[in-house]
Amino acid sequence: MDQDEGDEFAETEPCPFCGTPVYEQAEVCPNCGQYISEEDSSPRKPLWIVMSVGVCVAVILIVWVLKSL
């Protein structure tokens, strides 16, 4: 019997978000609804990068204002 013929032989891997077994060919986890692969998900920058850039800009502005006084 060929492995591709029945669901009982299909390969699964854990969802990186919730850990539920998901078929390897699935694009979205049926349990949590998250996209499994990065190329399918919408591009978002992690919050820590956005916050770091904001803090750096704030520090530069504060130093610039204090030097001009």
PDB file of N, CA and C in Angstrom:
ATOM      1  N   MET A   1       0.843  -1.195   0.000  1.00  0.00           N
ATOM      2  CA  MET A   1       0.000   0.000   0.000  1.00  0.00           C
ATOM      3  C   MET A   1       0.884   1.253   0.000  1.00  0.00           C
ATOM      4  N   ASP A   2       0.532   2.215  -0.830  1.00  0.00           N
ATOM      5  CA  ASP A   2       1.279   3.455  -0.938  1.00  0.00           C
ATOM      6  C   ASP A   2       0.976   4.347   0.262  1.00  0.00           C
ATOM      7  N   GLN A   3       1.990   5.042   0.763  1.00  0.00           N
ATOM      8  CA  GLN A   3       1.794   5.879   1.941  1.00  0.00           C
ATOM      9  C   GLN A   3       0.904   7.085   1.671  1.00  0.00           C
ATOM     10  N   ASP A   4       0.813   7.524   0.448  1.00  0.00           N
ATOM     11  CA  ASP A   4       0.018   8.706   0.132  1.00  0.00           C
ATOM     12  C   ASP A   4      -1.469   8.409   0.006  1.00  0.00           C
ATOM     13  N   GLU A   5      -1.860   7.128   0.036  1.00  0.00           N
ATOM     14  CA  GLU A   5      -3.256   6.778  -0.206  1.00  0.00           C
ATOM     15  C   GLU A   5      -4.159   6.996   1.004  1.00  0.00           C
ATOM     16  N   GLY A   6      -3.658   6.802   2.208  1.00  0.00           N
ATOM     17  CA  GLY A   6      -4.523   6.902   3.385  1.00  0.00           C
ATOM     18  C   GLY A   6      -4.066   7.970   4.343  1.00  0.00           C
ATOM     19  N   ASP A   7      -5.018   8.571   5.049  1.00  0.00           N
ATOM     20  CA  ASP A   7      -4.683   9.601   6.018  1.00  0.00           C
ATOM     21  C   ASP A   7      -3.905   9.055   7.203  1.00  0.00           C
ATOM     22  N   GLU A   8      -4.087   7.755   7.514  1.00  0.00           N
ATOM     23  CA  GLU A   8      -3.413   7.207   8.669  1.00  0.00           C
ATOM     24  C   GLU A   8      -1.902   7.135   8.466  1.00  0.00           C
ATOM     25  N   PHE A   9      -1.434   7.277   7.216  1.00  0.00           N
ATOM     26  CA  PHE A   9      -0.013   7.239   6.934  1.00  0.00           C
ATOM     27  C   PHE A   9       0.556   8.636   6.664  1.00  0.00           C
ATOM     28  N   ALA A  10      -0.274   9.649   6.653  1.00  0.00           N
ATOM     29  CA  ALA A  10       0.188  11.004   6.354  1.00  0.00           C
ATOM     30  C   ALA A  10       1.083  11.508   7.491  1.00  0.00           C
ATOM     31  N   GLU A  11       2.116  12.229   7.110  1.00  0.00           N
ATOM     32  CA  GLU A  11       3.066  12.764   8.080  1.00  0.00           C
ATOM     33  C   GLU A  11       2.505  14.018   8.741  1.00  0.00           C
ATOM     34  N   THR A  12       2.723  14.129  10.033  1.00  0.00           N
ATOM     35  CA  THR A  12       2.312  15.321  10.767  1.00  0.00           C
ATOM     36  C   THR A  12       3.516  15.892  11.491  1.00  0.00           C
ATOM     37  N   GLU A  13       3.398  17.148  11.839  1.00  0.00           N
ATOM     38  CA  GLU A  13       4.408  17.815  12.645  1.00  0.00           C
ATOM     39  C   GLU A  13       3.679  18.742  13.602  1.00  0.00           C
ATOM     40  N   PRO A  14       4.265  19.062  14.741  1.00  0.00           N
ATOM     41  CA  PRO A  14       3.567  19.929  15.693  1.00  0.00           C
ATOM     42  C   PRO A  14       3.509  21.373  15.191  1.00  0.00           C
ATOM     43  N   CYS A  15       2.392  22.018  15.453  1.00  0.00           N
ATOM     44  CA  CYS A  15       2.246  23.438  15.125  1.00  0.00           C
ATOM     45  C   CYS A  15       3.258  24.218  15.966  1.00  0.00           C
ATOM     46  N   PRO A  16       4.009  25.167  15.370  1.00  0.00           N
ATOM     47  CA  PRO A  16       4.984  25.935  16.146  1.00  0.00           C
ATOM     48  C   PRO A  16       4.343  26.877  17.161  1.00  0.00           C
ATOM     49  N   PHE A  17       3.036  27.090  17.069  1.00  0.00           N
ATOM     50  CA  PHE A  17       2.361  28.014  17.963  1.00  0.00           C
ATOM     51  C   PHE A  17       1.633  27.310  19.100  1.00  0.00           C
ATOM     52  N   CYS A  18       0.892  26.231  18.781  1.00  0.00           N
ATOM     53  CA  CYS A  18       0.091  25.572  19.822  1.00  0.00           C
ATOM     54  C   CYS A  18       0.490  24.127  20.074  1.00  0.00           C
ATOM     55  N   GLY A  19       1.317  23.534  19.204  1.00  0.00           N
ATOM     56  CA  GLY A  19       1.799  22.184  19.407  1.00  0.00           C
ATOM     57  C   GLY A  19       0.881  21.079  18.918  1.00  0.00           C
ATOM     58  N   THR A  20      -0.276  21.416  18.360  1.00  0.00           N
ATOM     59  CA  THR A  20      -1.213  20.424  17.841  1.00  0.00           C
ATOM     60  C   THR A  20      -0.619  19.749  16.601  1.00  0.00           C
ATOM     61  N   PRO A  21      -0.728  18.431  16.467  1.00  0.00           N
ATOM     62  CA  PRO A  21      -0.240  17.776  15.252  1.00  0.00           C
ATOM     63  C   PRO A  21      -0.983  18.296  14.018  1.00  0.00           C
ATOM     64  N   VAL A  22      -0.210  18.698  13.003  1.00  0.00           N
ATOM     65  CA  VAL A  22      -0.770  19.271  11.776  1.00  0.00           C
ATOM     66  C   VAL A  22      -0.130  18.541  10.600  1.00  0.00           C
ATOM     67  N   TYR A  23      -0.907  18.264   9.555  1.00  0.00           N
ATOM     68  CA  TYR A  23      -0.347  17.643   8.359  1.00  0.00           C
ATOM     69  C   TYR A  23       0.740  18.534   7.778  1.00  0.00           C
ATOM     70  N   GLU A  24       1.804  17.920   7.269  1.00  0.00           N
ATOM     71  CA  GLU A  24       2.934  18.680   6.732  1.00  0.00           C
ATOM     72  C   GLU A  24       2.535  19.626   5.611  1.00  0.00           C
ATOM     73  N   GLN A  25       1.533  19.272   4.825  1.00  0.00           N
ATOM     74  CA  GLN A  25       1.124  20.088   3.685  1.00  0.00           C
ATOM     75  C   GLN A  25       0.144  21.202   4.070  1.00  0.00           C
ATOM     76  N   ALA A  26      -0.276  21.256   5.324  1.00  0.00           N
ATOM     77  CA  ALA A  26      -1.250  22.268   5.754  1.00  0.00           C
ATOM     78  C   ALA A  26      -0.619  23.652   5.758  1.00  0.00           C
ATOM     79  N   GLU A  27      -1.399  24.645   5.357  1.00  0.00           N
ATOM     80  CA  GLU A  27      -0.934  26.028   5.385  1.00  0.00           C
ATOM     81  C   GLU A  27      -1.296  26.705   6.702  1.00  0.00           C
ATOM     82  N   VAL A  28      -2.450  26.317   7.267  1.00  0.00           N
ATOM     83  CA  VAL A  28      -2.952  26.936   8.487  1.00  0.00           C
ATOM     84  C   VAL A  28      -3.241  25.846   9.507  1.00  0.00           C
ATOM     85  N   CYS A  29      -2.919  26.098  10.767  1.00  0.00           N
ATOM     86  CA  CYS A  29      -3.220  25.144  11.837  1.00  0.00           C
ATOM     87  C   CYS A  29      -4.729  25.128  12.073  1.00  0.00           C
ATOM     88  N   PRO A  30      -5.361  23.956  12.050  1.00  0.00           N
ATOM     89  CA  PRO A  30      -6.811  23.902  12.265  1.00  0.00           C
ATOM     90  C   PRO A  30      -7.203  24.219  13.708  1.00  0.00           C
ATOM     91  N   ASN A  31      -6.260  24.133  14.637  1.00  0.00           N
ATOM     92  CA  ASN A  31      -6.567  24.392  16.038  1.00  0.00           C
ATOM     93  C   ASN A  31      -6.486  25.881  16.382  1.00  0.00           C
ATOM     94  N   CYS A  32      -5.347  26.519  16.068  1.00  0.00           N
ATOM     95  CA  CYS A  32      -5.162  27.924  16.482  1.00  0.00           C
ATOM     96  C   CYS A  32      -5.341  28.920  15.337  1.00  0.00           C
ATOM     97  N   GLY A  33      -5.349  28.444  14.078  1.00  0.00           N
ATOM     98  CA  GLY A  33      -5.581  29.337  12.945  1.00  0.00           C
ATOM     99  C   GLY A  33      -4.354  30.093  12.463  1.00  0.00           C
ATOM    100  N   GLN A  34      -3.187  29.808  13.023  1.00  0.00           N
ATOM    101  CA  GLN A  34      -1.963  30.492  12.609  1.00  0.00           C
ATOM    102  C   GLN A  34      -1.398  29.849  11.348  1.00  0.00           C
ATOM    103  N   TYR A  35      -0.732  30.656  10.509  1.00  0.00           N
ATOM    104  CA  TYR A  35      -0.058  30.126   9.339  1.00  0.00           C
ATOM    105  C   TYR A  35       1.160  29.326   9.787  1.00  0.00           C
ATOM    106  N   ILE A  36       1.356  28.162   9.177  1.00  0.00           N
ATOM    107  CA  ILE A  36       2.441  27.275   9.574  1.00  0.00           C
ATOM    108  C   ILE A  36       3.777  27.750   9.023  1.00  0.00           C
ATOM    109  N   SER A  37       3.828  28.109   7.740  1.00  0.00           N
ATOM    110  CA  SER A  37       5.088  28.528   7.141  1.00  0.00           C
ATOM    111  C   SER A  37       5.181  30.051   7.104  1.00  0.00           C
ATOM    112  N   GLU A  38       6.426  30.527   7.139  1.00  0.00           N
ATOM    113  CA  GLU A  38       6.643  31.973   7.153  1.00  0.00           C
ATOM    114  C   GLU A  38       6.245  32.623   5.834  1.00  0.00           C
ATOM    115  N   GLU A  39       6.416  31.906   4.709  1.00  0.00           N
ATOM    116  CA  GLU A  39       6.078  32.520   3.427  1.00  0.00           C
ATOM    117  C   GLU A  39       4.582  32.708   3.250  1.00  0.00           C
ATOM    118  N   ASP A  40       3.751  31.953   4.013  1.00  0.00           N
ATOM    119  CA  ASP A  40       2.302  32.099   3.931  1.00  0.00           C
ATOM    120  C   ASP A  40       1.769  33.183   4.869  1.00  0.00           C
ATOM    121  N   SER A  41       2.519  33.485   5.900  1.00  0.00           N
ATOM    122  CA  SER A  41       2.034  34.446   6.893  1.00  0.00           C
ATOM    123  C   SER A  41       2.293  35.875   6.429  1.00  0.00           C
ATOM    124  N   SER A  42       1.561  36.796   6.997  1.00  0.00           N
ATOM    125  CA  SER A  42       1.763  38.198   6.659  1.00  0.00           C
ATOM    126  C   SER A  42       3.027  38.683   7.355  1.00  0.00           C
ATOM    127  N   PRO A  43       3.842  39.462   6.658  1.00  0.00           N
ATOM    128  CA  PRO A  43       5.098  39.917   7.263  1.00  0.00           C
ATOM    129  C   PRO A  43       4.831  40.943   8.354  1.00  0.00           C
ATOM    130  N   ARG A  44       5.330  40.657   9.531  1.00  0.00           N
ATOM    131  CA  ARG A  44       5.215  41.583  10.662  1.00  0.00           C
ATOM    132  C   ARG A  44       6.557  41.654  11.352  1.00  0.00           C
ATOM    133  N   LYS A  45       6.916  42.832  11.787  1.00  0.00           N
ATOM    134  CA  LYS A  45       8.159  42.982  12.521  1.00  0.00           C
ATOM    135  C   LYS A  45       7.878  42.686  13.995  1.00  0.00           C
ATOM    136  N   PRO A  46       8.792  41.992  14.654  1.00  0.00           N
ATOM    137  CA  PRO A  46       8.595  41.720  16.076  1.00  0.00           C
ATOM    138  C   PRO A  46       8.517  43.020  16.870  1.00  0.00           C
ATOM    139  N   LEU A  47       7.740  42.989  17.921  1.00  0.00           N
ATOM    140  CA  LEU A  47       7.505  44.183  18.737  1.00  0.00           C
ATOM    141  C   LEU A  47       8.795  44.731  19.323  1.00  0.00           C
ATOM    142  N   TRP A  48       9.730  43.865  19.711  1.00  0.00           N
ATOM    143  CA  TRP A  48      10.952  44.352  20.333  1.00  0.00           C
ATOM    144  C   TRP A  48      11.787  45.182  19.367  1.00  0.00           C
ATOM    145  N   ILE A  49      11.726  44.895  18.068  1.00  0.00           N
ATOM    146  CA  ILE A  49      12.471  45.686  17.085  1.00  0.00           C
ATOM    147  C   ILE A  49      11.851  47.074  16.964  1.00  0.00           C
ATOM    148  N   VAL A  50      10.544  47.123  16.882  1.00  0.00           N
ATOM    149  CA  VAL A  50       9.846  48.407  16.771  1.00  0.00           C
ATOM    150  C   VAL A  50      10.102  49.255  18.016  1.00  0.00           C
ATOM    151  N   MET A  51      10.016  48.631  19.182  1.00  0.00           N
ATOM    152  CA  MET A  51      10.249  49.368  20.437  1.00  0.00           C
ATOM    153  C   MET A  51      11.703  49.843  20.535  1.00  0.00           C
ATOM    154  N   SER A  52      12.656  49.033  20.099  1.00  0.00           N
ATOM    155  CA  SER A  52      14.072  49.420  20.151  1.00  0.00           C
ATOM    156  C   SER A  52      14.350  50.624  19.263  1.00  0.00           C
ATOM    157  N   VAL A  53      13.780  50.625  18.078  1.00  0.00           N
ATOM    158  CA  VAL A  53      13.962  51.761  17.176  1.00  0.00           C
ATOM    159  C   VAL A  53      13.350  53.018  17.793  1.00  0.00           C
ATOM    160  N   GLY A  54      12.178  52.889  18.390  1.00  0.00           N
ATOM    161  CA  GLY A  54      11.541  54.034  19.043  1.00  0.00           C
ATOM    162  C   GLY A  54      12.368  54.597  20.189  1.00  0.00           C
ATOM    163  N   VAL A  55      12.937  53.733  20.996  1.00  0.00           N
ATOM    164  CA  VAL A  55      13.780  54.171  22.122  1.00  0.00           C
ATOM    165  C   VAL A  55      15.038  54.853  21.595  1.00  0.00           C
ATOM    166  N   CYS A  56      15.657  54.298  20.564  1.00  0.00           N
ATOM    167  CA  CYS A  56      16.865  54.910  19.991  1.00  0.00           C
ATOM    168  C   CYS A  56      16.575  56.306  19.446  1.00  0.00           C
ATOM    169  N   VAL A  57      15.469  56.451  18.743  1.00  0.00           N
ATOM    170  CA  VAL A  57      15.096  57.770  18.216  1.00  0.00           C
ATOM    171  C   VAL A  57      14.848  58.742  19.365  1.00  0.00           C
ATOM    172  N   ALA A  58      14.179  58.301  20.409  1.00  0.00           N
ATOM    173  CA  ALA A  58      13.910  59.170  21.557  1.00  0.00           C
ATOM    174  C   ALA A  58      15.209  59.604  22.235  1.00  0.00           C
ATOM    175  N   VAL A  59      16.152  58.690  22.403  1.00  0.00           N
ATOM    176  CA  VAL A  59      17.438  59.025  23.035  1.00  0.00           C
ATOM    177  C   VAL A  59      18.203  60.016  22.181  1.00  0.00           C
ATOM    178  N   ILE A  60      18.216  59.818  20.875  1.00  0.00           N
ATOM    179  CA  ILE A  60      18.919  60.748  19.980  1.00  0.00           C
ATOM    180  C   ILE A  60      18.296  62.136  20.061  1.00  0.00           C
ATOM    181  N   LEU A  61      16.964  62.208  20.068  1.00  0.00           N
ATOM    182  CA  LEU A  61      16.300  63.516  20.174  1.00  0.00           C
ATOM    183  C   LEU A  61      16.591  64.188  21.507  1.00  0.00           C
ATOM    184  N   ILE A  62      16.585  63.444  22.597  1.00  0.00           N
ATOM    185  CA  ILE A  62      16.863  64.024  23.919  1.00  0.00           C
ATOM    186  C   ILE A  62      18.294  64.550  23.974  1.00  0.00           C
ATOM    187  N   VAL A  63      19.261  63.787  23.475  1.00  0.00           N
ATOM    188  CA  VAL A  63      20.660  64.233  23.472  1.00  0.00           C
ATOM    189  C   VAL A  63      20.807  65.465  22.590  1.00  0.00           C
ATOM    190  N   TRP A  64      20.151  65.498  21.454  1.00  0.00           N
ATOM    191  CA  TRP A  64      20.244  66.639  20.544  1.00  0.00           C
ATOM    192  C   TRP A  64      19.664  67.899  21.190  1.00  0.00           C
ATOM    193  N   VAL A  65      18.522  67.755  21.866  1.00  0.00           N
ATOM    194  CA  VAL A  65      17.910  68.912  22.536  1.00  0.00           C
ATOM    195  C   VAL A  65      18.780  69.395  23.686  1.00  0.00           C
ATOM    196  N   LEU A  66      19.341  68.473  24.470  1.00  0.00           N
ATOM    197  CA  LEU A  66      20.188  68.880  25.613  1.00  0.00           C
ATOM    198  C   LEU A  66      21.468  69.529  25.141  1.00  0.00           C
ATOM    199  N   LYS A  67      22.048  69.125  24.020  1.00  0.00           N
ATOM    200  CA  LYS A  67      23.267  69.751  23.493  1.00  0.00           C
ATOM    201  C   LYS A  67      23.008  71.153  22.959  1.00  0.00           C
ATOM    202  N   SER A  68      21.808  71.391  22.474  1.00  0.00           N
ATOM    203  CA  SER A  68      21.501  72.700  21.892  1.00  0.00           C
ATOM    204  C   SER A  68      21.126  73.744  22.943  1.00  0.00           C
ATOM    205  N   LEU A  69      20.994  73.332  24.193  1.00  0.00           N
ATOM    206  CA  LEU A  69      20.653  74.292  25.256  1.00  0.00           C
ATOM    207  C   LEU A  69      21.829  75.089  25.708  1.00  0.00           C
TER     208      LEU A  69
END
